[in-house]
N, C-alpha and C. Protein backbone atom coordinates (compact mmCIF):
# COMPACT_ATOMS: atom_id res chain seq x y z
N MET A 1 13.62 12.61 6.64
CA MET A 1 13.93 13.57 5.45
C MET A 1 12.91 12.87 4.17
N TYR A 2 12.79 11.64 4.02
CA TYR A 2 12.10 11.19 3.07
C TYR A 2 10.58 11.42 3.31
N TRP A 3 10.14 11.37 4.48
CA TRP A 3 8.67 11.71 5.07
C TRP A 3 8.54 13.11 4.66
N THR A 4 9.22 14.02 5.11
CA THR A 4 9.24 15.57 5.04
C THR A 4 9.21 16.04 3.68
N LYS A 5 10.23 15.45 2.89
CA LYS A 5 10.36 15.95 1.41
C LYS A 5 9.40 15.29 0.42
N TYR A 6 9.01 13.97 0.65
CA TYR A 6 8.29 13.30 -0.47
C TYR A 6 6.77 12.90 -0.01
N LEU A 7 6.86 12.09 1.13
CA LEU A 7 5.49 11.63 1.38
C LEU A 7 4.48 12.61 2.12
N GLN A 8 4.96 13.47 3.06
CA GLN A 8 4.14 14.29 3.58
C GLN A 8 3.39 15.30 2.47
N PRO A 9 3.98 15.91 1.66
CA PRO A 9 3.53 16.89 0.65
C PRO A 9 2.38 16.20 -0.11
N ARG A 10 2.86 14.91 -0.54
CA ARG A 10 1.75 14.29 -1.31
C ARG A 10 0.52 13.74 -0.51
N ARG A 11 0.84 13.41 0.64
CA ARG A 11 -0.26 13.01 1.46
C ARG A 11 -1.13 14.18 1.89
N GLN A 12 -0.65 15.39 1.93
CA GLN A 12 -1.40 16.55 2.02
C GLN A 12 -2.22 16.95 0.96
N ALA A 13 -1.70 16.78 -0.17
CA ALA A 13 -2.44 17.20 -1.65
C ALA A 13 -3.45 16.19 -1.69
N PHE A 14 -3.19 14.91 -1.44
CA PHE A 14 -4.36 13.95 -1.47
C PHE A 14 -5.48 14.26 -0.66
N GLU A 15 -5.14 14.75 0.63
CA GLU A 15 -6.29 15.15 1.57
C GLU A 15 -7.11 16.09 1.03
N ILE A 16 -6.40 17.12 0.31
CA ILE A 16 -7.30 18.24 -0.30
C ILE A 16 -8.09 17.69 -1.36
N VAL A 17 -7.69 16.81 -2.22
CA VAL A 17 -8.42 16.15 -3.29
C VAL A 17 -9.41 15.44 -2.79
N LEU A 18 -9.33 14.80 -1.69
CA LEU A 18 -10.35 13.85 -0.95
C LEU A 18 -11.57 14.76 -0.53
N GLU A 19 -10.91 15.89 0.21
CA GLU A 19 -12.00 16.70 0.83
C GLU A 19 -12.85 17.38 -0.18
N ARG A 20 -12.38 17.67 -1.37
CA ARG A 20 -13.28 18.21 -2.30
C ARG A 20 -14.08 17.29 -2.99
N ALA A 21 -13.88 16.13 -3.08
CA ALA A 21 -14.58 14.86 -3.41
C ALA A 21 -15.66 14.67 -2.52
N LYS A 22 -15.41 14.95 -1.24
CA LYS A 22 -16.45 14.71 -0.37
C LYS A 22 -17.47 15.92 -0.22
N GLU A 23 -16.95 16.94 -0.67
CA GLU A 23 -17.94 18.34 -0.72
C GLU A 23 -18.82 18.02 -2.16
N ARG A 24 -18.39 17.30 -3.04
CA ARG A 24 -19.21 16.92 -4.34
C ARG A 24 -19.91 15.55 -4.08
N ASN A 25 -19.89 14.93 -2.83
CA ASN A 25 -20.56 13.78 -2.54
C ASN A 25 -20.11 12.69 -3.54
N GLU A 26 -18.88 12.59 -3.91
CA GLU A 26 -18.22 11.58 -4.82
C GLU A 26 -17.64 10.47 -3.92
N VAL A 27 -17.45 10.64 -2.67
CA VAL A 27 -16.95 9.70 -1.91
C VAL A 27 -17.71 9.81 -0.52
N GLU A 28 -17.66 8.83 0.29
CA GLU A 28 -18.35 8.86 1.56
C GLU A 28 -17.64 9.89 2.56
N GLU A 29 -18.34 10.48 3.49
CA GLU A 29 -17.89 11.50 4.30
C GLU A 29 -16.82 10.96 5.37
N SER A 30 -17.12 9.45 5.72
CA SER A 30 -16.24 9.08 6.73
C SER A 30 -14.97 8.54 6.15
N LEU A 31 -14.63 8.54 4.90
CA LEU A 31 -13.37 8.15 4.42
C LEU A 31 -12.26 8.95 4.92
N GLU A 32 -11.24 8.11 5.44
CA GLU A 32 -10.03 8.82 5.94
C GLU A 32 -8.98 9.01 5.03
N ALA A 33 -8.58 10.04 4.76
CA ALA A 33 -7.44 10.38 3.69
C ALA A 33 -6.17 9.72 4.02
N GLY A 34 -5.71 9.80 4.95
CA GLY A 34 -4.44 9.21 5.57
C GLY A 34 -4.36 7.66 5.26
N LEU A 35 -5.67 7.16 5.67
CA LEU A 35 -5.81 5.53 5.43
C LEU A 35 -5.78 5.21 4.10
N VAL A 36 -6.60 5.86 3.25
CA VAL A 36 -6.61 5.71 1.88
C VAL A 36 -5.25 5.83 1.23
N PHE A 37 -4.55 7.01 1.37
CA PHE A 37 -3.29 7.33 0.91
C PHE A 37 -2.28 6.08 1.27
N ASP A 38 -2.25 5.54 2.51
CA ASP A 38 -1.28 4.66 3.13
C ASP A 38 -1.55 3.43 2.33
N ALA A 39 -2.88 2.95 2.25
CA ALA A 39 -3.35 1.80 1.64
C ALA A 39 -2.72 1.76 0.06
N MET A 40 -3.20 2.75 -0.46
CA MET A 40 -2.80 2.81 -2.11
C MET A 40 -1.25 2.71 -2.30
N SER A 41 -0.64 3.57 -1.33
CA SER A 41 0.75 3.76 -1.39
C SER A 41 1.47 2.46 -1.33
N GLY A 42 0.97 1.61 -0.19
CA GLY A 42 1.37 0.31 0.01
C GLY A 42 1.27 -0.74 -1.03
N ILE A 43 0.11 -0.71 -1.50
CA ILE A 43 -0.44 -1.54 -2.81
C ILE A 43 0.50 -1.23 -3.97
N MET A 44 0.69 0.01 -4.23
CA MET A 44 1.52 0.31 -5.47
C MET A 44 2.86 -0.09 -5.24
N LEU A 45 3.56 0.27 -4.03
CA LEU A 45 4.94 -0.02 -3.86
C LEU A 45 5.21 -1.48 -3.86
N TYR A 46 4.28 -2.18 -3.37
CA TYR A 46 4.41 -3.80 -3.27
C TYR A 46 4.48 -4.28 -4.89
N ALA A 47 3.46 -3.77 -5.74
CA ALA A 47 3.41 -4.00 -7.03
C ALA A 47 4.69 -3.65 -7.91
N LEU A 48 5.24 -2.54 -7.47
CA LEU A 48 6.56 -2.17 -8.14
C LEU A 48 7.77 -2.96 -7.91
N ILE A 49 7.69 -3.47 -6.56
CA ILE A 49 8.78 -4.22 -6.15
C ILE A 49 8.64 -5.78 -6.64
N PHE A 50 7.39 -6.19 -6.54
CA PHE A 50 7.08 -7.50 -6.96
C PHE A 50 5.99 -7.45 -8.06
N PRO A 51 6.61 -7.24 -9.14
CA PRO A 51 5.41 -7.08 -10.42
C PRO A 51 4.62 -8.45 -10.46
N PRO A 52 3.31 -7.94 -10.73
CA PRO A 52 2.38 -9.19 -10.77
C PRO A 52 2.77 -9.97 -12.08
N ALA A 53 2.73 -11.31 -12.01
CA ALA A 53 3.11 -12.08 -13.21
C ALA A 53 2.06 -12.57 -14.30
N ASN A 54 0.76 -12.48 -13.84
CA ASN A 54 -0.27 -12.85 -14.66
C ASN A 54 -1.35 -11.74 -15.07
N GLU A 55 -0.94 -10.46 -14.83
CA GLU A 55 -1.81 -9.42 -15.01
C GLU A 55 -1.04 -8.03 -15.18
N SER A 56 -1.69 -7.07 -15.77
CA SER A 56 -1.06 -5.79 -15.71
C SER A 56 -0.79 -5.13 -14.39
N TRP A 57 0.23 -4.26 -14.12
CA TRP A 57 0.20 -3.70 -12.94
C TRP A 57 -1.00 -2.88 -12.65
N LYS A 58 -1.51 -2.18 -13.65
CA LYS A 58 -2.79 -1.54 -13.41
C LYS A 58 -3.95 -2.34 -13.03
N ASP A 59 -4.15 -3.44 -13.60
CA ASP A 59 -5.14 -4.56 -13.11
C ASP A 59 -4.92 -4.97 -11.94
N TYR A 60 -3.67 -5.13 -11.39
CA TYR A 60 -3.38 -5.89 -10.07
C TYR A 60 -3.82 -4.77 -9.13
N VAL A 61 -3.38 -3.42 -9.26
CA VAL A 61 -3.63 -2.27 -8.35
C VAL A 61 -5.10 -2.30 -8.16
N ARG A 62 -5.69 -2.11 -9.35
CA ARG A 62 -7.44 -1.99 -9.22
C ARG A 62 -7.83 -3.06 -8.62
N ARG A 63 -7.61 -4.34 -8.66
CA ARG A 63 -8.18 -5.61 -8.21
C ARG A 63 -7.67 -5.64 -6.63
N THR A 64 -6.84 -5.13 -6.20
CA THR A 64 -6.37 -4.98 -4.85
C THR A 64 -7.10 -3.93 -4.07
N LEU A 65 -7.39 -2.88 -4.84
CA LEU A 65 -8.18 -1.79 -4.26
C LEU A 65 -9.66 -1.92 -4.14
N TYR A 66 -10.11 -3.03 -4.63
CA TYR A 66 -11.47 -3.46 -4.80
C TYR A 66 -12.36 -3.22 -3.54
N PHE A 67 -11.59 -3.37 -2.34
CA PHE A 67 -12.36 -3.20 -1.15
C PHE A 67 -12.87 -1.68 -0.89
N PHE A 68 -12.36 -0.79 -1.77
CA PHE A 68 -12.63 0.64 -1.70
C PHE A 68 -13.88 0.82 -2.54
N LYS A 69 -14.29 -0.28 -3.34
CA LYS A 69 -15.44 -0.03 -4.28
C LYS A 69 -16.66 0.44 -3.53
N GLY A 70 -17.27 1.46 -3.97
CA GLY A 70 -18.32 2.17 -3.38
C GLY A 70 -18.02 3.34 -2.77
N LYS A 71 -16.67 3.41 -2.27
CA LYS A 71 -16.31 4.60 -1.67
C LYS A 71 -15.51 5.57 -2.65
N ILE A 72 -14.77 4.84 -3.55
CA ILE A 72 -13.90 5.69 -4.40
C ILE A 72 -14.34 5.11 -5.97
N ASP A 73 -14.46 6.02 -6.77
CA ASP A 73 -14.98 5.63 -8.24
C ASP A 73 -13.46 5.12 -8.89
N LEU A 74 -13.45 3.82 -9.12
CA LEU A 74 -12.32 3.19 -9.63
C LEU A 74 -12.13 3.21 -11.36
N ASN A 75 -13.02 3.93 -11.88
CA ASN A 75 -13.07 3.86 -13.23
C ASN A 75 -12.01 5.01 -13.92
N PHE A 76 -10.78 4.65 -13.70
CA PHE A 76 -9.77 5.72 -14.35
C PHE A 76 -9.30 5.23 -15.56
């Protein structure tokens, strides 16, 4: 139920956004939408359950997503 009602629609929407970014050459063609969505969701969920003590939530998520640098523009 949770997958069908919440995660799957968001994952599909994210895939559309990522495909458009690929068409504009904003991200690498080989980037897998499902992998990126799952990684970002996991990092954000962890940060919500265990808030970082020494930095803002936004800075924590940005730092942990650093391995995507060069594939995704992290200047938000």
